Amino acid sequence: MSSSPTSLLDLSTNSLGSAGETRARITGFAGEVSIVERLQEMGMHHGMIVQCLGRTPFKGPLLYRMGATVVALRNGEAQCILIQTL
């Protein structure tokens, strides 16, 4: 397991593995309160397992599998979610 929390946005970079290969656990939230509240209203919570599936066309939002759901998050939203890789 990774030694320190990082943001969900980092899960999409090559440093943590290719899209779809690396899974992580949500360890917390940080950033703008309105964004954090929205993410939590979407069902994201501490301990949830997430996986990056890739980016939408034309440098659009990133796609993540969270449980049985696939969500598209902008970079700013993904940066608010703190994770540890598994």
Protein backbone atom coordinates (compact mmCIF):
# COMPACT_ATOMS: atom_id res chain seq x y z
CA MET A 1 0.00 0.00 0.00
CA SER A 2 1.20 3.52 -0.71
CA SER A 3 2.78 5.22 2.31
CA SER A 4 1.05 8.59 2.00
CA PRO A 5 -2.33 9.77 0.71
CA THR A 6 -2.42 11.34 -2.71
CA SER A 7 -5.27 12.75 -4.80
CA LEU A 8 -7.51 10.70 -7.06
CA LEU A 9 -6.19 12.71 -10.01
CA ASP A 10 -2.78 11.05 -9.46
CA LEU A 11 -4.37 7.61 -9.96
CA SER A 12 -4.68 8.44 -13.67
CA THR A 13 -0.96 9.12 -14.15
CA ASN A 14 1.62 6.59 -15.28
CA SER A 15 3.48 6.94 -11.99
CA LEU A 16 0.76 4.86 -10.28
CA GLY A 17 0.00 2.50 -13.16
CA SER A 18 -1.96 2.38 -16.38
CA ALA A 19 -5.66 3.15 -16.48
CA GLY A 20 -7.70 0.25 -15.18
CA GLU A 21 -4.76 -1.47 -13.46
CA THR A 22 -4.42 0.42 -10.19
CA ARG A 23 -7.06 0.43 -7.50
CA ALA A 24 -7.16 2.74 -4.51
CA ARG A 25 -9.14 3.34 -1.34
CA ILE A 26 -10.62 6.76 -0.52
CA THR A 27 -8.99 8.03 2.69
CA GLY A 28 -10.62 11.44 2.89
CA PHE A 29 -11.57 14.65 1.15
CA ALA A 30 -9.91 18.05 0.89
CA GLY A 31 -10.59 21.26 -0.98
CA GLU A 32 -13.56 23.48 -1.67
CA VAL A 33 -16.47 22.61 0.63
CA SER A 34 -19.10 22.74 -2.13
CA ILE A 35 -17.17 20.24 -4.27
CA VAL A 36 -16.55 17.89 -1.33
CA GLU A 37 -20.25 17.99 -0.39
CA ARG A 38 -21.26 17.21 -3.97
CA LEU A 39 -18.87 14.26 -4.17
CA GLN A 40 -20.28 12.87 -0.92
CA GLU A 41 -23.84 13.39 -2.17
CA MET A 42 -22.86 11.32 -5.23
CA GLY A 43 -22.14 8.45 -2.84
CA MET A 44 -18.37 8.69 -2.45
CA HIS A 45 -17.22 7.91 1.07
CA HIS A 46 -14.19 7.03 3.18
CA GLY A 47 -13.05 3.46 2.50
CA MET A 48 -14.64 3.17 -0.97
CA ILE A 49 -12.50 1.37 -3.60
CA VAL A 50 -11.91 3.32 -6.84
CA GLN A 51 -10.28 2.49 -10.17
CA CYS A 52 -9.34 4.83 -13.04
CA LEU A 53 -10.78 3.65 -16.36
CA GLY A 54 -9.36 6.42 -18.57
CA ARG A 55 -10.17 9.85 -19.98
CA THR A 56 -13.07 10.86 -22.17
CA PRO A 57 -12.24 12.13 -25.69
CA PHE A 58 -10.74 15.58 -26.32
CA LYS A 59 -9.08 15.82 -22.87
CA GLY A 60 -12.45 15.63 -21.14
CA PRO A 61 -13.19 14.34 -17.64
CA LEU A 62 -11.59 11.21 -16.24
CA LEU A 63 -13.69 8.06 -15.81
CA TYR A 64 -13.57 6.19 -12.51
CA ARG A 65 -15.27 3.00 -11.32
CA MET A 66 -16.54 3.41 -7.78
CA GLY A 67 -18.30 0.30 -6.61
CA ALA A 68 -20.82 -0.66 -9.29
CA THR A 69 -20.93 2.89 -10.69
CA VAL A 70 -18.81 4.66 -13.32
CA VAL A 71 -18.45 8.41 -12.81
CA ALA A 72 -16.79 11.16 -14.86
CA LEU A 73 -14.88 13.71 -12.78
CA ARG A 74 -13.11 16.90 -13.81
CA ASN A 75 -9.52 17.34 -12.63
CA GLY A 76 -10.58 19.79 -9.91
CA GLU A 77 -13.09 17.33 -8.51
CA ALA A 78 -10.65 14.41 -8.61
CA GLN A 79 -8.05 16.48 -6.73
CA CYS A 80 -10.46 16.81 -3.78
CA ILE A 81 -10.51 13.04 -3.19
CA LEU A 82 -7.60 11.68 -1.15
CA ILE A 83 -6.57 8.07 -1.78
CA GLN A 84 -4.08 5.36 -0.92
CA THR A 85 -3.22 2.83 -3.62
CA LEU A 86 -3.83 -0.85 -2.90
